[in-house]
Structures are given as C-alpha cells and as structure tokens.
N, C-alpha and C. Protein backbone atom coordinates (compact mmCIF):
# COMPACT_ATOMS: atom_id res chain seq x y z
N MET A 1 0.85 -1.20 0.00
CA MET A 1 0.00 0.00 0.00
C MET A 1 0.88 1.24 0.00
N GLN A 2 0.63 2.16 -0.88
CA GLN A 2 1.37 3.41 -0.94
C GLN A 2 0.73 4.43 -0.01
N MET A 3 1.52 5.05 0.86
CA MET A 3 1.01 6.07 1.75
C MET A 3 0.93 7.39 0.99
N SER A 4 -0.10 8.19 1.27
CA SER A 4 -0.23 9.47 0.59
C SER A 4 0.84 10.43 1.09
N THR A 5 1.21 11.37 0.23
CA THR A 5 2.34 12.24 0.56
C THR A 5 2.05 13.16 1.72
N ASN A 6 0.78 13.47 2.00
CA ASN A 6 0.49 14.35 3.13
C ASN A 6 0.61 13.65 4.46
N GLN A 7 0.87 12.33 4.44
CA GLN A 7 1.06 11.60 5.68
C GLN A 7 2.54 11.38 5.98
N VAL A 8 3.41 11.80 5.09
CA VAL A 8 4.83 11.54 5.26
C VAL A 8 5.58 12.86 5.35
N GLN A 9 6.41 12.97 6.39
CA GLN A 9 7.26 14.13 6.53
C GLN A 9 8.66 13.73 6.08
N ARG A 10 9.11 14.25 4.99
CA ARG A 10 10.36 13.80 4.39
C ARG A 10 11.54 14.57 4.98
N ARG A 11 11.97 14.08 6.16
CA ARG A 11 13.16 14.65 6.77
C ARG A 11 13.84 13.54 7.57
N PRO A 12 15.15 13.59 7.73
CA PRO A 12 15.84 12.57 8.53
C PRO A 12 15.33 12.59 9.95
N TYR A 13 15.17 11.42 10.53
CA TYR A 13 14.76 11.34 11.92
C TYR A 13 15.98 11.06 12.78
N PRO A 14 16.34 11.98 13.68
CA PRO A 14 17.58 11.85 14.43
C PRO A 14 17.46 10.85 15.57
N VAL A 15 17.66 9.58 15.31
CA VAL A 15 17.65 8.58 16.37
C VAL A 15 18.99 8.63 17.07
N PRO A 16 19.03 8.76 18.40
CA PRO A 16 20.30 8.88 19.10
C PRO A 16 21.12 7.61 18.99
N PRO A 17 22.45 7.71 19.07
CA PRO A 17 23.30 6.53 19.00
C PRO A 17 22.98 5.56 20.12
N THR A 18 23.34 4.31 19.91
CA THR A 18 23.13 3.30 20.93
C THR A 18 23.94 3.62 22.17
N SER A 19 23.31 3.51 23.33
CA SER A 19 23.98 3.74 24.59
C SER A 19 24.08 2.44 25.36
N PRO A 20 24.90 2.38 26.41
CA PRO A 20 25.02 1.15 27.18
C PRO A 20 23.70 0.71 27.80
N THR A 21 22.81 1.65 28.07
CA THR A 21 21.53 1.29 28.67
C THR A 21 20.50 0.87 27.63
N GLU A 22 20.78 1.07 26.34
CA GLU A 22 19.88 0.67 25.28
C GLU A 22 20.68 -0.09 24.21
N PRO A 23 21.21 -1.27 24.58
CA PRO A 23 22.12 -1.97 23.66
C PRO A 23 21.46 -2.51 22.42
N ASP A 24 20.14 -2.65 22.43
CA ASP A 24 19.47 -3.25 21.29
C ASP A 24 18.79 -2.23 20.39
N ASP A 25 18.97 -0.95 20.67
CA ASP A 25 18.33 0.07 19.86
C ASP A 25 18.96 0.12 18.47
N ILE A 26 18.13 0.06 17.45
CA ILE A 26 18.60 0.10 16.07
C ILE A 26 18.40 1.50 15.52
N ARG A 27 19.46 2.06 15.00
CA ARG A 27 19.39 3.41 14.44
C ARG A 27 18.96 3.33 12.98
N LEU A 28 17.84 3.95 12.69
CA LEU A 28 17.37 4.03 11.32
C LEU A 28 17.41 5.48 10.88
N ILE A 29 18.04 5.74 9.74
CA ILE A 29 18.03 7.06 9.14
C ILE A 29 17.12 7.00 7.92
N GLY A 30 15.99 7.66 8.02
CA GLY A 30 15.04 7.62 6.92
C GLY A 30 14.07 8.78 7.01
N ILE A 31 12.82 8.52 6.77
CA ILE A 31 11.78 9.55 6.83
C ILE A 31 10.80 9.18 7.93
N THR A 32 10.10 10.18 8.44
CA THR A 32 9.04 9.91 9.41
C THR A 32 7.71 9.76 8.68
N MET A 33 6.89 8.90 9.21
CA MET A 33 5.57 8.65 8.64
C MET A 33 4.55 8.71 9.76
N SER A 34 3.54 9.51 9.61
CA SER A 34 2.43 9.57 10.56
C SER A 34 1.28 8.74 10.01
N VAL A 35 0.81 7.80 10.81
CA VAL A 35 -0.22 6.86 10.37
C VAL A 35 -1.40 6.94 11.32
N SER A 36 -2.58 7.03 10.77
CA SER A 36 -3.79 7.13 11.59
C SER A 36 -4.21 5.76 12.10
N ARG A 37 -4.98 5.78 13.16
CA ARG A 37 -5.50 4.55 13.76
C ARG A 37 -6.22 3.68 12.72
N ASP A 38 -5.91 2.40 12.73
CA ASP A 38 -6.50 1.38 11.85
C ASP A 38 -6.07 1.50 10.39
N GLN A 39 -5.14 2.38 10.09
CA GLN A 39 -4.68 2.53 8.71
C GLN A 39 -3.64 1.47 8.38
N GLU A 40 -3.74 0.91 7.19
CA GLU A 40 -2.78 -0.10 6.76
C GLU A 40 -1.43 0.54 6.43
N ILE A 41 -0.36 -0.09 6.88
CA ILE A 41 1.00 0.36 6.60
C ILE A 41 1.56 -0.40 5.42
N PHE A 42 1.39 -1.71 5.40
CA PHE A 42 1.66 -2.52 4.21
C PHE A 42 0.82 -3.78 4.29
N GLY A 43 0.65 -4.41 3.14
CA GLY A 43 -0.20 -5.59 3.06
C GLY A 43 0.58 -6.86 2.79
N GLU A 44 -0.04 -7.97 3.13
CA GLU A 44 0.56 -9.28 2.85
C GLU A 44 0.79 -9.44 1.35
N GLY A 45 1.98 -9.88 0.99
CA GLY A 45 2.31 -10.09 -0.41
C GLY A 45 2.94 -8.90 -1.10
N GLU A 46 2.95 -7.73 -0.44
CA GLU A 46 3.58 -6.56 -1.05
C GLU A 46 5.10 -6.64 -0.90
N PRO A 47 5.84 -5.96 -1.78
CA PRO A 47 7.31 -6.01 -1.72
C PRO A 47 7.84 -5.52 -0.38
N ALA A 48 8.77 -6.27 0.19
CA ALA A 48 9.35 -5.92 1.49
C ALA A 48 10.64 -5.13 1.27
N ASP A 49 10.52 -3.96 0.66
CA ASP A 49 11.70 -3.16 0.35
C ASP A 49 11.93 -2.03 1.34
N GLN A 50 11.11 -1.98 2.41
CA GLN A 50 11.29 -0.98 3.45
C GLN A 50 11.20 -1.64 4.82
N VAL A 51 11.86 -1.05 5.81
CA VAL A 51 11.75 -1.48 7.19
C VAL A 51 11.26 -0.30 8.02
N PHE A 52 10.66 -0.59 9.17
CA PHE A 52 9.98 0.42 9.95
C PHE A 52 10.38 0.32 11.42
N LYS A 53 10.40 1.45 12.08
CA LYS A 53 10.62 1.49 13.53
C LYS A 53 9.54 2.34 14.17
N VAL A 54 8.94 1.81 15.24
CA VAL A 54 7.89 2.55 15.94
C VAL A 54 8.53 3.59 16.84
N VAL A 55 8.17 4.85 16.62
CA VAL A 55 8.62 5.94 17.48
C VAL A 55 7.57 6.24 18.54
N LYS A 56 6.32 6.28 18.12
CA LYS A 56 5.20 6.58 19.01
C LYS A 56 4.00 5.80 18.54
N GLY A 57 3.22 5.27 19.48
CA GLY A 57 2.03 4.51 19.12
C GLY A 57 2.31 3.02 19.13
N ALA A 58 1.57 2.27 18.32
CA ALA A 58 1.71 0.82 18.27
C ALA A 58 1.05 0.31 17.00
N VAL A 59 1.50 -0.86 16.54
CA VAL A 59 0.93 -1.48 15.34
C VAL A 59 0.69 -2.96 15.58
N ARG A 60 -0.14 -3.56 14.74
CA ARG A 60 -0.40 -5.00 14.80
C ARG A 60 -0.09 -5.62 13.46
N SER A 61 0.42 -6.83 13.47
CA SER A 61 0.59 -7.60 12.23
C SER A 61 -0.35 -8.78 12.29
N PHE A 62 -0.94 -9.12 11.15
CA PHE A 62 -1.92 -10.20 11.15
C PHE A 62 -2.01 -10.86 9.78
N ARG A 63 -2.64 -12.03 9.79
CA ARG A 63 -2.97 -12.74 8.56
C ARG A 63 -4.44 -13.12 8.61
N LEU A 64 -5.08 -13.15 7.46
CA LEU A 64 -6.46 -13.61 7.37
C LEU A 64 -6.46 -15.09 7.03
N LEU A 65 -7.17 -15.88 7.84
CA LEU A 65 -7.25 -17.32 7.63
C LEU A 65 -8.22 -17.62 6.50
N SER A 66 -8.22 -18.87 6.04
CA SER A 66 -9.04 -19.25 4.88
C SER A 66 -10.54 -19.09 5.15
N ASP A 67 -10.93 -19.15 6.44
CA ASP A 67 -12.35 -18.99 6.78
C ASP A 67 -12.72 -17.55 7.07
N GLY A 68 -11.79 -16.62 6.84
CA GLY A 68 -12.07 -15.21 7.04
C GLY A 68 -11.71 -14.67 8.40
N ARG A 69 -11.34 -15.54 9.33
CA ARG A 69 -10.94 -15.06 10.65
C ARG A 69 -9.57 -14.40 10.59
N ARG A 70 -9.33 -13.52 11.54
CA ARG A 70 -8.07 -12.80 11.63
C ARG A 70 -7.21 -13.40 12.73
N GLN A 71 -5.96 -13.70 12.43
CA GLN A 71 -5.00 -14.13 13.44
C GLN A 71 -3.92 -13.07 13.57
N ILE A 72 -3.89 -12.39 14.70
CA ILE A 72 -2.85 -11.41 14.94
C ILE A 72 -1.56 -12.13 15.30
N CYS A 73 -0.49 -11.79 14.63
CA CYS A 73 0.79 -12.46 14.82
C CYS A 73 1.67 -11.78 15.85
N ASP A 74 1.63 -10.45 15.91
CA ASP A 74 2.49 -9.74 16.85
C ASP A 74 2.00 -8.30 16.99
N PHE A 75 2.43 -7.68 18.07
CA PHE A 75 2.24 -6.25 18.28
C PHE A 75 3.61 -5.60 18.34
N TYR A 76 3.76 -4.43 17.74
CA TYR A 76 5.03 -3.70 17.76
C TYR A 76 4.82 -2.38 18.49
N LEU A 77 5.69 -2.14 19.47
CA LEU A 77 5.58 -1.01 20.37
C LEU A 77 6.77 -0.07 20.16
N PRO A 78 6.77 1.12 20.79
CA PRO A 78 7.89 2.05 20.58
C PRO A 78 9.26 1.40 20.79
N GLY A 79 10.13 1.61 19.81
CA GLY A 79 11.46 1.02 19.82
C GLY A 79 11.57 -0.24 18.99
N ASP A 80 10.44 -0.88 18.68
CA ASP A 80 10.46 -2.12 17.89
C ASP A 80 10.65 -1.82 16.41
N VAL A 81 11.38 -2.70 15.74
CA VAL A 81 11.59 -2.63 14.29
C VAL A 81 10.81 -3.77 13.66
N PHE A 82 10.12 -3.49 12.56
CA PHE A 82 9.35 -4.53 11.88
C PHE A 82 9.45 -4.35 10.37
N GLY A 83 8.96 -5.34 9.65
CA GLY A 83 9.01 -5.30 8.19
C GLY A 83 10.23 -5.98 7.60
N ILE A 84 11.08 -6.57 8.45
CA ILE A 84 12.26 -7.29 7.96
C ILE A 84 11.83 -8.70 7.58
N GLU A 85 12.02 -9.07 6.35
CA GLU A 85 11.59 -10.38 5.86
C GLU A 85 12.77 -11.15 5.29
N LEU A 86 12.68 -12.48 5.38
CA LEU A 86 13.70 -13.33 4.77
C LEU A 86 13.57 -13.30 3.25
N GLY A 87 12.32 -13.27 2.76
CA GLY A 87 12.08 -13.23 1.33
C GLY A 87 11.86 -11.83 0.82
N ALA A 88 11.35 -11.76 -0.39
CA ALA A 88 11.18 -10.47 -1.05
C ALA A 88 9.86 -9.79 -0.72
N ASP A 89 8.89 -10.54 -0.17
CA ASP A 89 7.56 -9.99 0.07
C ASP A 89 7.18 -10.10 1.53
N HIS A 90 6.25 -9.24 1.96
CA HIS A 90 5.74 -9.30 3.33
C HIS A 90 4.81 -10.50 3.50
N ARG A 91 4.92 -11.16 4.64
CA ARG A 91 4.11 -12.33 4.93
C ARG A 91 2.87 -12.00 5.75
N THR A 92 2.78 -10.77 6.24
CA THR A 92 1.62 -10.35 7.02
C THR A 92 1.18 -8.96 6.57
N THR A 93 -0.01 -8.59 7.01
CA THR A 93 -0.49 -7.21 6.86
C THR A 93 -0.24 -6.50 8.18
N VAL A 94 0.14 -5.24 8.10
CA VAL A 94 0.41 -4.46 9.31
C VAL A 94 -0.44 -3.19 9.29
N GLU A 95 -1.10 -2.93 10.42
CA GLU A 95 -1.94 -1.74 10.58
C GLU A 95 -1.59 -1.03 11.88
N ALA A 96 -1.89 0.25 11.94
CA ALA A 96 -1.69 1.03 13.16
C ALA A 96 -2.81 0.73 14.15
N LEU A 97 -2.42 0.52 15.41
CA LEU A 97 -3.41 0.34 16.47
C LEU A 97 -3.96 1.68 16.95
N THR A 98 -3.08 2.67 16.96
CA THR A 98 -3.43 4.02 17.38
C THR A 98 -2.79 4.98 16.39
N ASP A 99 -3.01 6.28 16.55
CA ASP A 99 -2.25 7.25 15.77
C ASP A 99 -0.77 7.02 16.08
N THR A 100 0.02 6.76 15.05
CA THR A 100 1.37 6.24 15.23
C THR A 100 2.37 7.02 14.39
N VAL A 101 3.58 7.16 14.91
CA VAL A 101 4.69 7.76 14.17
C VAL A 101 5.75 6.70 13.97
N LEU A 102 6.20 6.56 12.72
CA LEU A 102 7.20 5.56 12.35
C LEU A 102 8.40 6.22 11.71
N VAL A 103 9.53 5.56 11.80
CA VAL A 103 10.66 5.88 10.94
C VAL A 103 10.71 4.81 9.86
N VAL A 104 10.86 5.23 8.61
CA VAL A 104 10.88 4.31 7.48
C VAL A 104 12.23 4.41 6.79
N ALA A 105 12.87 3.27 6.55
CA ALA A 105 14.17 3.24 5.88
C ALA A 105 14.17 2.17 4.81
N ARG A 106 15.00 2.34 3.82
CA ARG A 106 15.13 1.32 2.78
C ARG A 106 15.76 0.07 3.37
N ARG A 107 15.26 -1.07 2.96
CA ARG A 107 15.80 -2.34 3.43
C ARG A 107 17.29 -2.46 3.14
N SER A 108 17.72 -1.89 2.05
CA SER A 108 19.12 -1.99 1.63
C SER A 108 20.06 -1.27 2.59
N THR A 109 19.52 -0.38 3.47
CA THR A 109 20.40 0.34 4.39
C THR A 109 20.76 -0.49 5.61
N LEU A 110 20.07 -1.63 5.82
CA LEU A 110 20.37 -2.49 6.95
C LEU A 110 21.44 -3.51 6.58
N GLY A 111 22.10 -4.00 7.61
CA GLY A 111 23.04 -5.08 7.39
C GLY A 111 24.32 -4.68 6.70
N ASP A 112 24.74 -3.45 6.87
CA ASP A 112 26.00 -3.00 6.31
C ASP A 112 27.14 -3.81 6.92
N GLU A 113 27.91 -4.47 6.08
CA GLU A 113 28.97 -5.34 6.57
C GLU A 113 30.01 -4.57 7.38
N ASP A 114 30.10 -3.26 7.19
CA ASP A 114 31.09 -2.46 7.91
C ASP A 114 30.60 -2.00 9.28
N ASP A 115 29.34 -2.25 9.61
CA ASP A 115 28.77 -1.81 10.88
C ASP A 115 28.42 -3.03 11.71
N ALA A 116 29.44 -3.58 12.39
CA ALA A 116 29.24 -4.80 13.17
C ALA A 116 28.26 -4.58 14.32
N GLY A 117 28.31 -3.38 14.95
CA GLY A 117 27.39 -3.09 16.05
C GLY A 117 25.95 -3.10 15.61
N ALA A 118 25.68 -2.48 14.46
CA ALA A 118 24.31 -2.46 13.95
C ALA A 118 23.83 -3.87 13.62
N ASN A 119 24.71 -4.68 13.07
CA ASN A 119 24.34 -6.05 12.74
C ASN A 119 24.00 -6.85 14.00
N ARG A 120 24.78 -6.64 15.07
CA ARG A 120 24.48 -7.35 16.32
C ARG A 120 23.14 -6.91 16.89
N ARG A 121 22.85 -5.62 16.84
CA ARG A 121 21.57 -5.13 17.35
C ARG A 121 20.41 -5.66 16.52
N LEU A 122 20.60 -5.70 15.22
CA LEU A 122 19.57 -6.23 14.34
C LEU A 122 19.34 -7.71 14.63
N TRP A 123 20.41 -8.44 14.85
CA TRP A 123 20.30 -9.86 15.17
C TRP A 123 19.55 -10.06 16.47
N ARG A 124 19.84 -9.25 17.49
CA ARG A 124 19.16 -9.39 18.78
C ARG A 124 17.68 -9.06 18.65
N GLN A 125 17.35 -8.05 17.84
CA GLN A 125 15.94 -7.75 17.60
C GLN A 125 15.24 -8.94 16.95
N ALA A 126 15.90 -9.55 15.99
CA ALA A 126 15.32 -10.70 15.30
C ALA A 126 15.13 -11.87 16.27
N MET A 127 16.10 -12.07 17.18
CA MET A 127 15.99 -13.16 18.14
C MET A 127 14.85 -12.91 19.14
N LYS A 128 14.65 -11.66 19.53
CA LYS A 128 13.54 -11.34 20.42
C LYS A 128 12.20 -11.63 19.74
N ALA A 129 12.10 -11.24 18.48
CA ALA A 129 10.87 -11.50 17.73
C ALA A 129 10.63 -12.99 17.57
N LEU A 130 11.71 -13.75 17.33
CA LEU A 130 11.59 -15.20 17.21
C LEU A 130 11.15 -15.82 18.52
N GLN A 131 11.71 -15.35 19.63
CA GLN A 131 11.32 -15.87 20.93
C GLN A 131 9.85 -15.58 21.22
N ARG A 132 9.39 -14.37 20.90
CA ARG A 132 7.98 -14.05 21.08
C ARG A 132 7.11 -14.97 20.24
N SER A 133 7.56 -15.24 19.02
CA SER A 133 6.79 -16.13 18.13
C SER A 133 6.72 -17.54 18.70
N GLN A 134 7.83 -18.03 19.24
CA GLN A 134 7.84 -19.37 19.83
C GLN A 134 6.95 -19.43 21.06
N ASP A 135 7.05 -18.40 21.93
CA ASP A 135 6.20 -18.37 23.12
C ASP A 135 4.72 -18.28 22.73
N HIS A 136 4.45 -17.53 21.67
CA HIS A 136 3.07 -17.39 21.19
C HIS A 136 2.53 -18.74 20.72
N ALA A 137 3.35 -19.51 20.03
CA ALA A 137 2.93 -20.83 19.55
C ALA A 137 2.59 -21.75 20.72
N VAL A 138 3.40 -21.70 21.78
CA VAL A 138 3.13 -22.50 22.97
C VAL A 138 1.83 -22.05 23.62
N THR A 139 1.63 -20.74 23.69
CA THR A 139 0.41 -20.19 24.30
C THR A 139 -0.82 -20.68 23.56
N LEU A 140 -0.79 -20.63 22.24
CA LEU A 140 -1.95 -21.03 21.45
C LEU A 140 -2.19 -22.53 21.52
N GLY A 141 -1.12 -23.30 21.66
CA GLY A 141 -1.27 -24.75 21.57
C GLY A 141 -1.50 -25.47 22.87
N ARG A 142 -1.01 -24.92 23.99
CA ARG A 142 -0.98 -25.70 25.21
C ARG A 142 -1.61 -25.05 26.43
N ARG A 143 -2.01 -23.81 26.37
CA ARG A 143 -2.45 -23.12 27.56
C ARG A 143 -3.96 -22.89 27.59
N SER A 144 -4.49 -22.80 28.81
CA SER A 144 -5.91 -22.51 28.99
C SER A 144 -6.16 -21.03 28.75
N ALA A 145 -7.44 -20.65 28.77
CA ALA A 145 -7.79 -19.24 28.53
C ALA A 145 -7.16 -18.33 29.58
N SER A 146 -7.23 -18.73 30.85
CA SER A 146 -6.65 -17.89 31.91
C SER A 146 -5.14 -17.81 31.79
N GLU A 147 -4.49 -18.91 31.42
CA GLU A 147 -3.04 -18.90 31.24
C GLU A 147 -2.65 -18.02 30.06
N ARG A 148 -3.41 -18.08 28.99
CA ARG A 148 -3.11 -17.25 27.81
C ARG A 148 -3.20 -15.77 28.15
N LEU A 149 -4.26 -15.39 28.84
CA LEU A 149 -4.46 -13.97 29.14
C LEU A 149 -3.44 -13.49 30.18
N ALA A 150 -3.14 -14.32 31.16
CA ALA A 150 -2.13 -13.95 32.15
C ALA A 150 -0.78 -13.76 31.48
N ASN A 151 -0.43 -14.65 30.58
CA ASN A 151 0.84 -14.53 29.86
C ASN A 151 0.88 -13.25 29.04
N PHE A 152 -0.24 -12.91 28.40
CA PHE A 152 -0.30 -11.69 27.62
C PHE A 152 -0.07 -10.46 28.49
N LEU A 153 -0.73 -10.40 29.63
CA LEU A 153 -0.60 -9.24 30.51
C LEU A 153 0.81 -9.10 31.07
N VAL A 154 1.41 -10.23 31.46
CA VAL A 154 2.77 -10.20 31.98
C VAL A 154 3.74 -9.73 30.90
N ASP A 155 3.55 -10.24 29.68
CA ASP A 155 4.42 -9.85 28.57
C ASP A 155 4.26 -8.36 28.25
N MET A 156 3.02 -7.87 28.20
CA MET A 156 2.80 -6.46 27.90
C MET A 156 3.38 -5.57 28.99
N ALA A 157 3.26 -5.99 30.25
CA ALA A 157 3.83 -5.20 31.34
C ALA A 157 5.33 -5.04 31.16
N ALA A 158 6.01 -6.12 30.76
CA ALA A 158 7.46 -6.06 30.55
C ALA A 158 7.80 -5.18 29.35
N ARG A 159 7.04 -5.31 28.27
CA ARG A 159 7.35 -4.57 27.05
C ARG A 159 6.98 -3.09 27.14
N LEU A 160 6.04 -2.76 28.02
CA LEU A 160 5.62 -1.37 28.17
C LEU A 160 6.36 -0.66 29.30
N GLY A 161 7.43 -1.25 29.78
CA GLY A 161 8.26 -0.55 30.76
C GLY A 161 8.40 -1.23 32.10
N GLY A 162 7.73 -2.35 32.30
CA GLY A 162 7.91 -3.09 33.54
C GLY A 162 7.05 -2.63 34.70
N GLY A 163 6.18 -1.66 34.49
CA GLY A 163 5.32 -1.20 35.57
C GLY A 163 4.08 -2.06 35.72
N GLU A 164 3.30 -1.76 36.73
CA GLU A 164 2.09 -2.54 37.00
C GLU A 164 0.83 -1.84 36.52
N ALA A 165 0.94 -0.61 36.06
CA ALA A 165 -0.20 0.12 35.49
C ALA A 165 -0.07 0.12 33.98
N LEU A 166 -0.97 -0.57 33.31
CA LEU A 166 -0.90 -0.75 31.86
C LEU A 166 -1.97 0.08 31.16
N GLU A 167 -1.55 0.82 30.14
CA GLU A 167 -2.47 1.44 29.20
C GLU A 167 -2.30 0.70 27.89
N LEU A 168 -3.15 -0.26 27.65
CA LEU A 168 -2.99 -1.13 26.49
C LEU A 168 -3.40 -0.40 25.22
N PRO A 169 -2.57 -0.42 24.18
CA PRO A 169 -2.94 0.25 22.93
C PRO A 169 -3.90 -0.56 22.08
N MET A 170 -4.06 -1.83 22.41
CA MET A 170 -4.93 -2.71 21.62
C MET A 170 -6.28 -2.93 22.30
N SER A 171 -7.29 -3.23 21.48
CA SER A 171 -8.63 -3.49 21.99
C SER A 171 -8.73 -4.93 22.49
N ARG A 172 -9.83 -5.23 23.14
CA ARG A 172 -10.05 -6.61 23.59
C ARG A 172 -10.22 -7.55 22.41
N GLN A 173 -10.77 -7.06 21.32
CA GLN A 173 -10.86 -7.90 20.12
C GLN A 173 -9.47 -8.21 19.58
N ASP A 174 -8.57 -7.23 19.61
CA ASP A 174 -7.19 -7.47 19.19
C ASP A 174 -6.55 -8.53 20.08
N ILE A 175 -6.75 -8.41 21.39
CA ILE A 175 -6.18 -9.39 22.32
C ILE A 175 -6.73 -10.77 22.01
N ALA A 176 -8.04 -10.86 21.79
CA ALA A 176 -8.67 -12.14 21.49
C ALA A 176 -8.09 -12.76 20.22
N ASP A 177 -7.90 -11.94 19.18
CA ASP A 177 -7.37 -12.45 17.92
C ASP A 177 -5.88 -12.80 18.02
N TYR A 178 -5.21 -12.30 19.05
CA TYR A 178 -3.80 -12.62 19.25
C TYR A 178 -3.63 -13.92 20.03
N ILE A 179 -4.43 -14.12 21.07
CA ILE A 179 -4.25 -15.30 21.92
C ILE A 179 -5.25 -16.42 21.60
N GLY A 180 -5.98 -16.26 20.50
CA GLY A 180 -6.82 -17.35 20.01
C GLY A 180 -8.05 -17.62 20.84
N LEU A 181 -8.70 -16.57 21.36
CA LEU A 181 -9.92 -16.70 22.13
C LEU A 181 -11.00 -15.82 21.52
N THR A 182 -12.21 -15.94 22.01
CA THR A 182 -13.27 -15.02 21.61
C THR A 182 -13.20 -13.78 22.51
N ILE A 183 -13.77 -12.69 22.04
CA ILE A 183 -13.77 -11.48 22.84
C ILE A 183 -14.58 -11.69 24.12
N GLU A 184 -15.61 -12.53 24.06
CA GLU A 184 -16.40 -12.81 25.25
C GLU A 184 -15.56 -13.53 26.31
N THR A 185 -14.71 -14.46 25.87
CA THR A 185 -13.85 -15.18 26.81
C THR A 185 -12.81 -14.25 27.42
N VAL A 186 -12.25 -13.36 26.60
CA VAL A 186 -11.28 -12.39 27.12
C VAL A 186 -11.94 -11.51 28.17
N SER A 187 -13.11 -10.97 27.89
CA SER A 187 -13.80 -10.10 28.84
C SER A 187 -14.17 -10.85 30.12
N ARG A 188 -14.65 -12.07 29.96
CA ARG A 188 -15.04 -12.87 31.14
C ARG A 188 -13.82 -13.20 32.01
N THR A 189 -12.69 -13.53 31.36
CA THR A 189 -11.49 -13.89 32.11
C THR A 189 -10.91 -12.67 32.82
N LEU A 190 -10.94 -11.50 32.17
CA LEU A 190 -10.49 -10.28 32.84
C LEU A 190 -11.34 -9.99 34.08
N THR A 191 -12.65 -10.21 33.97
CA THR A 191 -13.53 -10.01 35.12
C THR A 191 -13.19 -10.99 36.23
N GLN A 192 -12.90 -12.23 35.88
CA GLN A 192 -12.50 -13.23 36.88
C GLN A 192 -11.21 -12.82 37.57
N PHE A 193 -10.25 -12.32 36.79
CA PHE A 193 -8.99 -11.85 37.38
C PHE A 193 -9.24 -10.72 38.38
N GLN A 194 -10.19 -9.84 38.03
CA GLN A 194 -10.50 -8.73 38.93
C GLN A 194 -11.16 -9.22 40.21
N ILE A 195 -12.07 -10.18 40.09
CA ILE A 195 -12.75 -10.75 41.26
C ILE A 195 -11.73 -11.41 42.20
N LEU A 196 -10.72 -12.05 41.61
CA LEU A 196 -9.67 -12.72 42.39
C LEU A 196 -8.65 -11.74 42.96
N GLY A 197 -8.75 -10.47 42.57
CA GLY A 197 -7.82 -9.47 43.08
C GLY A 197 -6.48 -9.45 42.37
N LEU A 198 -6.39 -10.12 41.20
CA LEU A 198 -5.13 -10.13 40.46
C LEU A 198 -4.90 -8.82 39.73
N ILE A 199 -5.99 -8.22 39.25
CA ILE A 199 -5.90 -6.97 38.51
C ILE A 199 -7.04 -6.06 38.93
N ARG A 200 -6.94 -4.81 38.54
CA ARG A 200 -8.05 -3.86 38.68
C ARG A 200 -8.26 -3.20 37.34
N LEU A 201 -9.49 -3.21 36.86
CA LEU A 201 -9.82 -2.63 35.57
C LEU A 201 -10.35 -1.22 35.74
N ALA A 202 -9.85 -0.30 34.92
CA ALA A 202 -10.32 1.08 34.93
C ALA A 202 -10.62 1.47 33.49
N GLY A 203 -11.68 0.93 32.95
CA GLY A 203 -11.98 1.13 31.54
C GLY A 203 -11.55 -0.09 30.73
N CYS A 204 -11.77 0.00 29.43
CA CYS A 204 -11.50 -1.15 28.57
C CYS A 204 -10.01 -1.43 28.40
N ARG A 205 -9.16 -0.40 28.49
CA ARG A 205 -7.75 -0.59 28.18
C ARG A 205 -6.80 -0.29 29.33
N SER A 206 -7.32 0.16 30.44
CA SER A 206 -6.47 0.47 31.60
C SER A 206 -6.52 -0.70 32.57
N VAL A 207 -5.36 -1.28 32.84
CA VAL A 207 -5.26 -2.44 33.72
C VAL A 207 -4.20 -2.18 34.78
N GLN A 208 -4.57 -2.31 36.03
CA GLN A 208 -3.62 -2.21 37.14
C GLN A 208 -3.38 -3.62 37.66
N ILE A 209 -2.14 -4.10 37.54
CA ILE A 209 -1.80 -5.43 38.04
C ILE A 209 -1.62 -5.34 39.55
N GLN A 210 -2.45 -6.03 40.29
CA GLN A 210 -2.44 -5.97 41.75
C GLN A 210 -1.53 -7.04 42.37
N LYS A 211 -1.49 -8.21 41.75
CA LYS A 211 -0.68 -9.31 42.28
C LYS A 211 0.19 -9.87 41.15
N PRO A 212 1.28 -9.16 40.81
CA PRO A 212 2.10 -9.59 39.68
C PRO A 212 2.69 -10.97 39.83
N ARG A 213 3.08 -11.34 41.04
CA ARG A 213 3.68 -12.67 41.23
C ARG A 213 2.67 -13.78 40.98
N THR A 214 1.47 -13.61 41.51
CA THR A 214 0.43 -14.62 41.30
C THR A 214 0.04 -14.70 39.83
N LEU A 215 -0.04 -13.55 39.18
CA LEU A 215 -0.37 -13.54 37.74
C LEU A 215 0.73 -14.26 36.95
N ALA A 216 1.99 -14.02 37.30
CA ALA A 216 3.10 -14.66 36.60
C ALA A 216 3.09 -16.16 36.82
N GLU A 217 2.65 -16.61 38.00
CA GLU A 217 2.60 -18.04 38.28
C GLU A 217 1.61 -18.77 37.38
N LEU A 218 0.59 -18.05 36.92
CA LEU A 218 -0.38 -18.66 36.01
C LEU A 218 0.24 -18.98 34.65
N CYS A 219 1.35 -18.30 34.32
CA CYS A 219 2.00 -18.48 33.02
C CYS A 219 2.93 -19.68 33.00
N ALA A 220 3.28 -20.19 34.18
CA ALA A 220 4.29 -21.26 34.27
C ALA A 220 3.78 -22.55 33.67
C-alpha cells in the first residue's frame, strides 16, 4: 500500500546513537511517517523493500485465515523494528493500532557489513521477535484461557516498561485475535482476574496489576 504524501514528513529522523543502557536500539536514518489509527501500513504479499521502527504509538501484524478469521501475529511497540523479511515480500499485513509515528528506511540500508554493532543489534531484535513467536505458539497450543491472558498481561507489562499500570494500545478484540480466544472469553477472564484481586480494571484498556507474582505463576 502506498502512503499518501500528506502523511509523510520527508526529513531525517535523528535517532540517538546506541547507549550502554539501550544496547538493542537500532538506528534508522530515513523519513518519518504519521499513520492514523486502523490505517494499513503494508499488506501481505507486497514487496518488502522498506523497514519500519515505531517511534510513538503501536501497530499490529496479522494474517487472514481461509475462513475469514483474523490471526494477529504480533504487536510492535515504541522502539520495535518490523518489516524485515527473509524473502522479497511481506508475509503479514500491518496496521496502526493508534495514531502512530514511524521511521521508514530502505531495506538496503540495513546489514552494512562495515557496521558490526548495527548487525548485532539487528540480530538481537530478530531473536527477540523469534522468541515471542515461539512463546506465542506455545500459548496457542498448550495453555488454557486464563493462562493465555495472564501470559499476555505479563508480557505487555514487561514490554511497556515493567510497571504494574498498563495502558494497552490494543482493543479486547485485538487481544482475542492474538491469543486465540473469543472477545467474550477475554472479557469474562479479565472479570474473573479482577474478582480474584489479580488486577483492577479502569476502563476497557487500563489495567492495574495488583498481584504480579500470582499472575506470573499462572503463566508457568
């Protein structure tokens, strides 16, 4: 999908150099792109000639199954890089979850043989994404509804800064399509968690984790 020119600000985005406290940060020099909520960034099967980094907001990647259902594959949050493919084309569709700002760079600018540090950071990003994919497969195949949702909340808490107060950028339908449940089951399980005192809900997307250790034990 081609983004309209009024959505793209064509200027270099000054990403700061990697520091010891942010060893996995990948520096992309490209253009900034502002994307509205629910807007497609690229589609499945389109050429994978660009890579993206989330500066602000969040995005989801998904595939449509043969029966028309949507399977969300991953969520990308600030600092995450996405759009890197082994082949020439994208294997998923990616949309903005909220109003989002991205840095966009040509795929050819990555993997410079003369930049060993950048290659190591890129490799670590890829390994993190692979680990999330493996954990996701286990979640879908072997865990109960409560275990799936607990694992999701614990993972989001870590990825959103490690705090216990979560402002989730995704809807409950997004969560359901990610962990392979119905939205009714997600809502019912969240209510059960609240009754048990594991979490406190303040609206559809605000979650306060009250008992992080007990919630984490559900993921084991």
